[in-house]
N, C-alpha and C. Protein backbone atom coordinates (compact mmCIF):
# COMPACT_ATOMS: atom_id res chain seq x y z
N MET A 1 -1.85 4.91 13.55
CA MET A 1 -1.27 3.29 12.88
C MET A 1 -0.02 2.45 13.77
N GLU A 2 -0.37 2.03 14.25
CA GLU A 2 0.48 1.00 14.63
C GLU A 2 1.08 -0.07 14.19
N LYS A 3 2.45 0.23 14.36
CA LYS A 3 3.81 -0.62 13.74
C LYS A 3 3.85 -1.72 13.90
N SER A 4 3.51 -2.54 15.08
CA SER A 4 3.28 -3.72 15.38
C SER A 4 2.57 -4.33 14.53
N GLN A 5 1.08 -3.71 14.18
CA GLN A 5 0.17 -4.28 13.32
C GLN A 5 0.53 -4.48 11.80
N PHE A 6 1.63 -4.24 11.70
CA PHE A 6 2.29 -4.59 10.35
C PHE A 6 2.62 -5.65 9.82
N ARG A 7 2.84 -6.82 9.00
CA ARG A 7 3.49 -7.62 9.18
C ARG A 7 4.57 -8.19 7.75
N HIS A 8 4.36 -6.78 6.66
CA HIS A 8 4.96 -7.26 5.81
C HIS A 8 5.58 -5.93 5.98
N VAL A 9 7.56 -6.11 5.63
CA VAL A 9 8.23 -4.88 5.25
C VAL A 9 9.31 -4.86 3.96
N SER A 10 9.46 -3.69 3.66
CA SER A 10 10.05 -4.43 2.05
C SER A 10 10.84 -3.26 2.20
N ARG A 11 12.06 -2.76 1.85
CA ARG A 11 13.18 -1.49 1.86
C ARG A 11 13.76 -1.03 1.07
N LEU A 12 14.31 -0.03 0.54
CA LEU A 12 14.69 0.59 -0.22
C LEU A 12 15.34 1.99 -0.65
N ARG A 13 15.99 2.10 -1.18
CA ARG A 13 17.56 3.04 -0.49
C ARG A 13 17.10 4.50 -1.99
N VAL A 14 17.38 5.43 -1.05
CA VAL A 14 17.07 6.75 -1.85
C VAL A 14 18.22 7.00 -3.27
N ARG A 15 17.65 6.65 -3.89
CA ARG A 15 18.04 7.36 -5.46
C ARG A 15 18.86 8.42 -5.10
N ASN A 16 19.38 9.27 -6.31
CA ASN A 16 19.94 10.13 -6.45
C ASN A 16 18.87 10.93 -7.80
N TYR A 17 18.32 10.85 -8.12
CA TYR A 17 16.94 11.42 -8.74
C TYR A 17 15.64 11.63 -8.60
N GLU A 18 15.85 11.05 -6.49
CA GLU A 18 14.51 11.33 -6.01
C GLU A 18 14.75 12.14 -5.27
N VAL A 19 15.82 13.01 -5.02
CA VAL A 19 16.01 14.28 -4.47
C VAL A 19 15.39 15.72 -4.79
N ASP A 20 15.26 16.30 -4.56
CA ASP A 20 14.83 17.75 -5.00
C ASP A 20 15.65 18.56 -4.69
N TRP A 21 15.62 20.24 -5.46
CA TRP A 21 17.12 20.89 -5.51
C TRP A 21 16.94 21.38 -3.28
N GLN A 22 16.31 20.64 -3.02
CA GLN A 22 16.72 21.25 -1.54
C GLN A 22 17.91 19.69 -1.22
N GLY A 23 17.81 18.73 -1.81
CA GLY A 23 18.60 17.80 -0.87
C GLY A 23 17.78 16.62 -0.01
N ILE A 24 16.52 16.76 -0.43
CA ILE A 24 15.46 15.86 0.64
C ILE A 24 14.48 15.30 -1.13
N VAL A 25 14.36 13.87 -0.49
CA VAL A 25 13.12 13.43 -1.39
C VAL A 25 12.28 14.11 -2.06
N HIS A 26 11.97 14.44 -3.21
CA HIS A 26 10.78 15.06 -4.14
C HIS A 26 9.18 14.18 -2.88
N ASN A 27 8.43 15.37 -2.70
CA ASN A 27 7.38 14.64 -2.45
C ASN A 27 6.63 13.61 -2.70
N ALA A 28 6.26 13.40 -4.29
CA ALA A 28 5.66 12.72 -4.75
C ALA A 28 6.50 11.24 -5.10
N ASN A 29 7.82 11.43 -4.54
CA ASN A 29 8.50 10.20 -4.47
C ASN A 29 7.84 9.15 -3.11
N TYR A 30 7.73 10.13 -2.42
CA TYR A 30 6.93 9.23 -1.01
C TYR A 30 5.79 8.24 -1.30
N LEU A 31 5.50 8.40 -2.32
CA LEU A 31 3.62 7.90 -2.92
C LEU A 31 4.15 6.72 -3.72
N LEU A 32 5.01 6.77 -4.28
CA LEU A 32 5.52 6.31 -5.48
C LEU A 32 6.55 4.98 -4.14
N TYR A 33 7.05 5.42 -3.17
CA TYR A 33 7.29 4.16 -2.38
C TYR A 33 6.25 3.56 -1.81
N CYS A 34 4.95 4.21 -1.39
CA CYS A 34 4.09 3.30 -1.21
C CYS A 34 3.45 2.34 -1.94
N GLU A 35 3.61 3.03 -2.83
CA GLU A 35 3.09 1.94 -3.83
C GLU A 35 4.09 0.66 -4.05
N THR A 36 5.80 1.03 -4.13
CA THR A 36 6.67 -0.13 -4.32
C THR A 36 5.81 -0.83 -3.12
N GLY A 37 5.49 -0.36 -2.10
CA GLY A 37 5.44 -1.74 -0.38
C GLY A 37 4.13 -2.68 -1.06
N ARG A 38 2.97 -1.97 -1.66
CA ARG A 38 1.87 -2.36 -1.93
C ARG A 38 2.03 -3.77 -3.29
N ILE A 39 3.05 -3.37 -4.11
CA ILE A 39 3.01 -4.13 -4.84
C ILE A 39 4.26 -5.39 -4.64
N GLU A 40 4.69 -5.04 -3.38
CA GLU A 40 5.65 -5.78 -2.71
C GLU A 40 4.57 -6.76 -1.62
N TYR A 41 4.02 -6.29 -0.94
CA TYR A 41 2.27 -7.00 -0.58
C TYR A 41 1.61 -7.69 -1.56
N LEU A 42 1.54 -7.56 -2.25
CA LEU A 42 0.08 -8.55 -2.98
C LEU A 42 1.54 -9.81 -3.45
N LYS A 43 3.03 -8.82 -4.11
CA LYS A 43 3.66 -10.54 -4.90
C LYS A 43 4.06 -11.25 -3.85
N GLY A 44 4.07 -11.13 -2.48
CA GLY A 44 4.85 -11.79 -1.32
C GLY A 44 3.39 -12.67 -0.89
N LEU A 45 1.87 -12.09 -1.05
CA LEU A 45 1.24 -13.06 -0.54
C LEU A 45 0.36 -13.86 -2.16
N GLY A 46 1.78 -14.31 -2.97
CA GLY A 46 1.07 -14.88 -4.59
C GLY A 46 0.03 -14.20 -5.00
N VAL A 47 -0.60 -13.18 -4.80
CA VAL A 47 -1.27 -12.58 -5.76
C VAL A 47 -0.92 -11.86 -7.47
N LYS A 48 -1.57 -12.74 -8.02
CA LYS A 48 -1.08 -12.22 -9.41
C LYS A 48 -0.71 -11.54 -9.86
N LEU A 49 0.20 -10.33 -10.20
CA LEU A 49 0.09 -9.18 -11.07
C LEU A 49 0.43 -8.77 -12.39
N ASP A 50 -0.68 -8.02 -13.20
CA ASP A 50 -0.36 -8.00 -14.43
C ASP A 50 0.46 -6.04 -14.52
N LEU A 51 0.15 -5.83 -15.73
CA LEU A 51 -0.06 -4.83 -16.53
C LEU A 51 -1.57 -4.01 -16.01
N HIS A 52 -2.67 -4.53 -16.07
CA HIS A 52 -3.74 -4.69 -16.28
C HIS A 52 -5.36 -4.91 -15.02
N SER A 53 -3.97 -5.60 -13.88
CA SER A 53 -5.32 -5.99 -13.31
C SER A 53 -4.68 -6.62 -12.35
N ILE A 54 -5.59 -7.41 -10.82
CA ILE A 54 -5.41 -8.25 -10.67
C ILE A 54 -5.59 -9.67 -10.99
N THR A 55 -6.94 -10.07 -11.15
CA THR A 55 -7.35 -11.03 -11.68
C THR A 55 -7.66 -10.61 -13.25
N ASN A 56 -8.16 -12.27 -14.44
CA ASN A 56 -8.52 -11.35 -14.95
C ASN A 56 -9.58 -11.27 -15.45
N GLU A 57 -10.74 -10.89 -14.59
CA GLU A 57 -11.91 -10.32 -14.88
C GLU A 57 -11.77 -9.25 -14.59
N ASN A 58 -11.22 -8.62 -13.35
CA ASN A 58 -11.42 -7.39 -12.94
C ASN A 58 -10.56 -6.64 -12.81
N ARG A 59 -10.82 -4.95 -12.86
CA ARG A 59 -9.24 -4.33 -12.56
C ARG A 59 -9.07 -3.51 -11.22
N VAL A 60 -8.69 -3.63 -11.28
CA VAL A 60 -8.50 -2.46 -9.16
C VAL A 60 -7.47 -1.16 -9.67
N VAL A 61 -8.71 -0.28 -9.31
CA VAL A 61 -8.01 1.73 -9.28
C VAL A 61 -7.92 1.73 -8.18
N LEU A 62 -6.96 3.11 -7.90
CA LEU A 62 -6.74 3.71 -6.43
C LEU A 62 -7.82 5.08 -6.95
N VAL A 63 -8.96 5.01 -5.70
CA VAL A 63 -9.78 6.43 -5.72
C VAL A 63 -9.35 7.26 -5.08
N ARG A 64 -8.21 6.90 -3.82
CA ARG A 64 -8.09 7.92 -3.30
C ARG A 64 -6.76 7.16 -1.85
N ASN A 65 -6.19 8.47 -2.26
CA ASN A 65 -4.85 8.46 -1.71
C ASN A 65 -4.35 9.24 -0.39
N GLU A 66 -3.83 9.37 0.35
CA GLU A 66 -3.75 10.41 2.03
C GLU A 66 -2.13 10.07 2.07
N ILE A 67 -1.77 11.09 2.14
CA ILE A 67 -0.07 11.10 2.93
C ILE A 67 0.51 11.64 3.84
N ASN A 68 0.85 11.69 4.88
CA ASN A 68 1.34 12.53 6.05
C ASN A 68 2.30 12.91 6.14
N TYR A 69 2.99 14.03 5.70
CA TYR A 69 4.09 13.50 5.64
C TYR A 69 5.07 13.80 7.10
N ARG A 70 6.04 13.39 7.99
CA ARG A 70 6.37 13.42 9.06
C ARG A 70 8.14 13.82 9.40
N ALA A 71 8.66 13.30 8.25
CA ALA A 71 10.45 13.64 8.55
C ALA A 71 11.15 13.58 6.90
N SER A 72 12.23 14.35 6.73
CA SER A 72 12.72 14.16 5.30
C SER A 72 13.45 13.14 5.02
N ALA A 73 13.59 12.35 4.05
CA ALA A 73 14.47 11.32 3.60
C ALA A 73 15.48 11.79 2.88
N PHE A 74 16.93 11.55 2.69
CA PHE A 74 17.27 11.96 2.18
C PHE A 74 18.41 11.13 0.92
N PHE A 75 18.77 11.30 0.21
CA PHE A 75 19.94 10.48 -0.78
C PHE A 75 20.98 9.47 0.55
N ASP A 76 20.69 8.23 -0.27
CA ASP A 76 21.43 7.22 0.25
C ASP A 76 20.57 6.56 1.24
N GLU A 77 20.37 7.41 2.10
CA GLU A 77 19.02 6.74 3.06
C GLU A 77 18.19 5.60 3.28
N GLU A 78 18.84 4.40 3.90
CA GLU A 78 17.82 3.20 3.18
C GLU A 78 16.54 3.73 4.20
N LEU A 79 14.97 2.99 3.53
CA LEU A 79 13.74 3.52 4.06
C LEU A 79 13.62 2.24 4.46
N GLU A 80 12.71 2.01 5.46
CA GLU A 80 11.43 0.94 5.35
C GLU A 80 10.26 1.05 4.76
N ILE A 81 9.65 0.16 4.12
CA ILE A 81 8.04 0.03 3.92
C ILE A 81 7.24 -0.39 4.62
N TYR A 82 6.57 -0.06 5.77
CA TYR A 82 5.75 -1.41 6.49
C TYR A 82 4.42 -1.12 5.47
N THR A 83 3.74 -2.11 5.36
CA THR A 83 2.40 -1.72 4.37
C THR A 83 1.44 -3.66 4.51
N ARG A 84 0.36 -2.77 4.76
CA ARG A 84 -0.80 -3.90 5.36
C ARG A 84 -1.70 -3.23 4.44
N ILE A 85 -3.04 -4.05 4.65
CA ILE A 85 -4.69 -3.90 3.86
C ILE A 85 -5.18 -4.38 5.13
N SER A 86 -5.65 -2.95 5.85
CA SER A 86 -6.62 -2.58 7.21
C SER A 86 -7.51 -3.37 7.12
N ALA A 87 -8.36 -3.63 6.08
CA ALA A 87 -9.82 -3.42 5.73
C ALA A 87 -10.50 -3.58 4.11
N ILE A 88 -11.07 -4.59 4.06
CA ILE A 88 -11.76 -4.92 3.10
C ILE A 88 -13.71 -4.76 3.29
N ARG A 89 -13.43 -3.65 2.33
CA ARG A 89 -15.10 -3.71 1.77
C ARG A 89 -15.60 -4.38 0.98
N GLU A 90 -17.11 -4.20 0.66
CA GLU A 90 -17.35 -4.94 -0.35
C GLU A 90 -17.00 -4.58 -1.71
N THR A 91 -16.53 -3.39 -2.17
CA THR A 91 -15.96 -3.16 -3.49
C THR A 91 -14.89 -2.97 -3.01
N SER A 92 -14.09 -2.68 -1.92
CA SER A 92 -13.01 -2.10 -1.72
C SER A 92 -12.08 -2.35 -1.14
N PHE A 93 -10.94 -1.94 -1.17
CA PHE A 93 -9.95 -2.69 -0.08
C PHE A 93 -9.29 -1.06 0.71
N ILE A 94 -8.34 -1.49 1.68
CA ILE A 94 -7.68 0.22 1.99
C ILE A 94 -6.17 -0.51 2.73
N PHE A 95 -5.32 -0.01 1.78
CA PHE A 95 -3.90 -0.06 2.42
C PHE A 95 -3.74 1.52 3.19
N GLU A 96 -2.72 0.08 4.13
CA GLU A 96 -1.72 1.25 4.88
C GLU A 96 -0.48 1.54 5.06
N SER A 97 0.38 2.43 4.89
CA SER A 97 2.13 2.06 4.91
C SER A 97 2.11 3.17 5.84
N MET A 98 3.53 2.91 6.14
CA MET A 98 4.23 3.80 7.44
C MET A 98 5.26 3.79 6.40
N ILE A 99 6.57 4.51 6.18
CA ILE A 99 7.99 4.33 5.71
C ILE A 99 8.45 4.83 7.09
N GLU A 100 9.44 4.34 7.53
CA GLU A 100 10.62 4.72 8.51
C GLU A 100 12.13 4.72 7.52
N LYS A 101 13.40 5.34 8.32
CA LYS A 101 14.40 5.56 7.69
C LYS A 101 14.92 4.28 9.08
N SER A 102 15.31 3.36 8.36
CA SER A 102 16.35 2.20 8.53
C SER A 102 17.07 2.19 9.90
N ALA A 103 18.18 3.16 10.01
CA ALA A 103 19.74 3.84 10.72
C ALA A 103 18.48 4.00 12.02
N ASN A 104 17.29 4.69 12.52
CA ASN A 104 16.99 4.83 13.32
C ASN A 104 15.54 4.61 13.74
N HIS A 105 14.56 4.81 12.76
CA HIS A 105 13.63 3.90 12.87
C HIS A 105 12.61 5.11 12.96
N GLU A 106 12.79 6.12 12.31
CA GLU A 106 12.59 7.62 12.22
C GLU A 106 11.45 7.44 11.66
N LEU A 107 10.14 7.79 11.92
CA LEU A 107 8.94 8.28 10.97
C LEU A 107 8.64 9.51 9.61
N VAL A 108 9.18 8.67 8.88
CA VAL A 108 9.23 9.62 7.32
C VAL A 108 7.49 10.56 6.83
N CYS A 109 7.01 8.66 6.86
CA CYS A 109 5.54 9.30 6.03
C CYS A 109 4.47 8.10 6.49
N ASP A 110 3.30 8.60 6.84
CA ASP A 110 2.43 7.43 6.56
C ASP A 110 0.86 7.47 5.68
N ASN A 111 0.40 6.01 4.91
CA ASN A 111 -0.34 6.71 3.78
C ASN A 111 -1.63 5.92 3.63
N LEU A 112 -2.54 6.17 3.33
CA LEU A 112 -3.65 5.29 3.39
C LEU A 112 -4.20 5.67 2.05
N ALA A 113 -4.22 4.11 1.67
CA ALA A 113 -4.97 4.27 0.31
C ALA A 113 -6.10 3.16 -0.18
N VAL A 114 -6.70 3.77 -0.77
CA VAL A 114 -8.14 2.63 -0.75
C VAL A 114 -8.24 2.54 -2.50
N HIS A 115 -8.50 1.24 -2.70
CA HIS A 115 -8.41 0.72 -4.06
C HIS A 115 -10.06 0.09 -3.91
N VAL A 116 -10.22 0.18 -5.36
CA VAL A 116 -11.91 -0.29 -6.00
C VAL A 116 -11.57 -1.17 -6.97
N TRP A 117 -12.24 -2.42 -6.60
CA TRP A 117 -12.69 -3.09 -7.73
C TRP A 117 -13.37 -2.87 -8.49
N LEU A 118 -13.36 -2.96 -10.37
CA LEU A 118 -14.15 -2.75 -11.29
C LEU A 118 -14.35 -3.90 -12.06
N ASP A 119 -15.83 -3.80 -12.70
CA ASP A 119 -15.47 -4.37 -13.84
C ASP A 119 -15.61 -4.05 -15.59
N SER A 120 -15.43 -5.12 -16.39
CA SER A 120 -15.63 -5.08 -17.87
C SER A 120 -16.01 -3.45 -18.10
N ASN A 121 -16.88 -3.06 -17.37
CA ASN A 121 -17.60 -1.87 -17.76
C ASN A 121 -17.36 -0.94 -17.37
N ARG A 122 -16.12 -1.13 -15.98
CA ARG A 122 -15.72 0.09 -14.81
C ARG A 122 -17.03 -0.06 -14.00
N GLU A 123 -17.77 -0.87 -13.87
CA GLU A 123 -18.21 -0.47 -12.46
C GLU A 123 -18.29 -1.24 -11.41
N PRO A 124 -18.00 -0.45 -10.00
CA PRO A 124 -17.58 -1.47 -8.69
C PRO A 124 -18.37 -2.87 -9.01
N VAL A 125 -17.43 -3.45 -8.35
CA VAL A 125 -17.56 -5.10 -8.08
C VAL A 125 -17.48 -5.39 -7.15
N ARG A 126 -18.38 -6.73 -6.46
CA ARG A 126 -17.31 -7.40 -4.82
C ARG A 126 -15.87 -7.83 -5.40
N VAL A 127 -15.26 -7.19 -4.44
CA VAL A 127 -14.09 -8.16 -3.77
C VAL A 127 -14.55 -9.10 -4.04
N ASN A 128 -13.43 -10.22 -4.92
CA ASN A 128 -13.41 -11.64 -4.81
C ASN A 128 -13.10 -12.20 -3.63
N ASP A 129 -13.77 -13.59 -3.32
CA ASP A 129 -14.07 -14.42 -2.04
C ASP A 129 -12.12 -14.98 -2.05
N GLU A 130 -11.57 -15.29 -2.99
CA GLU A 130 -10.06 -15.65 -3.18
C GLU A 130 -9.22 -14.52 -2.40
N PHE A 131 -9.21 -13.38 -3.09
CA PHE A 131 -8.73 -12.43 -2.54
C PHE A 131 -8.62 -11.99 -1.32
N ARG A 132 -9.72 -12.23 -0.41
CA ARG A 132 -10.36 -11.65 0.59
C ARG A 132 -9.93 -12.79 1.48
N GLN A 133 -9.90 -14.45 1.11
CA GLN A 133 -9.34 -15.14 1.88
C GLN A 133 -7.68 -15.55 2.23
N ILE A 134 -6.89 -14.97 0.84
CA ILE A 134 -5.17 -14.81 0.90
C ILE A 134 -5.00 -13.38 2.07
N VAL A 135 -6.24 -12.51 1.75
CA VAL A 135 -5.92 -11.24 2.69
C VAL A 135 -5.96 -11.47 4.37
N GLY A 136 -6.77 -12.83 4.33
CA GLY A 136 -7.94 -12.82 5.77
C GLY A 136 -6.68 -13.71 6.65
N GLU A 137 -6.00 -14.38 5.76
CA GLU A 137 -4.67 -15.69 6.30
C GLU A 137 -4.20 -14.97 6.89
N PHE A 138 -3.72 -13.95 5.65
CA PHE A 138 -1.90 -13.31 6.61
C PHE A 138 -2.39 -11.96 7.63
N GLU A 139 -3.21 -11.19 7.03
CA GLU A 139 -3.44 -10.34 8.26
C GLU A 139 -4.07 -11.40 9.46
N GLY A 140 -4.94 -12.36 9.70
CA GLY A 140 -5.32 -12.42 10.70
C GLY A 140 -6.77 -11.29 11.64
N SER A 141 -6.31 -11.78 12.71
CA SER A 141 -7.20 -10.11 13.88
C SER A 141 -7.27 -8.99 13.12
N ASN A 142 -6.10 -8.56 12.58
CA ASN A 142 -5.41 -6.92 11.89
C ASN A 142 -6.31 -6.67 10.72
N LEU A 143 -7.49 -7.73 10.44
CA LEU A 143 -7.91 -7.91 9.29
C LEU A 143 -9.27 -6.73 9.55
N ASN A 144 -10.67 -5.81 9.33
CA ASN A 144 -11.88 -5.16 9.68
C ASN A 144 -12.48 -5.76 7.87
N LEU A 145 -13.12 -7.05 8.07
CA LEU A 145 -14.12 -6.52 7.03
C LEU A 145 -15.58 -6.03 7.07
N LYS A 146 -15.41 -5.41 6.47
CA LYS A 146 -16.39 -4.52 6.99
C LYS A 146 -17.28 -4.81 5.41
N ARG A 147 -18.71 -6.58 5.42
CA ARG A 147 -19.42 -6.30 4.67
C ARG A 147 -20.41 -5.39 5.07
N GLY A 148 -21.08 -5.00 3.35
CA GLY A 148 -22.38 -4.80 3.44
C GLY A 148 -22.08 -3.53 2.80
N GLN A 149 -20.89 -2.67 3.83
CA GLN A 149 -20.89 -1.55 3.18
C GLN A 149 -19.86 -1.40 1.82
N GLN A 150 -20.63 0.04 1.07
CA GLN A 150 -19.67 0.65 -0.11
C GLN A 150 -18.49 1.01 0.39
N ARG A 151 -18.04 1.93 -0.92
CA ARG A 151 -16.30 2.01 -0.62
C ARG A 151 -16.19 2.88 0.28
């Protein structure tokens, strides 16, 4: 992942209840931070979000979530969450995230998350054109549109 390809960044400060008995951020919390970045990314693009779906007719579910831990974060450190959609396939799209420490830009972790669009019967359905257009306009040439490929 190249930091220069990320056009969206959000920030958060590590809270006391997010650290473990070793004094570092518990490993599961990094996934929550990436999710926070994804939500802020979509809200920044003006995508309608509610508790059940991105649009009224379809649901979006997470089917793959990979993380590489690079360095530990600690209580009260400010973190920068870089987020982008790197690809839209036929029924899915790929989020990438990088988390760095604000103070020294040390890479804390990187993440790849695959989301699939489902219809009301929980069957994969094509990512709609409006979403493709919104993301395409924001990401520009950094977006890989993989037509015809499934998840």
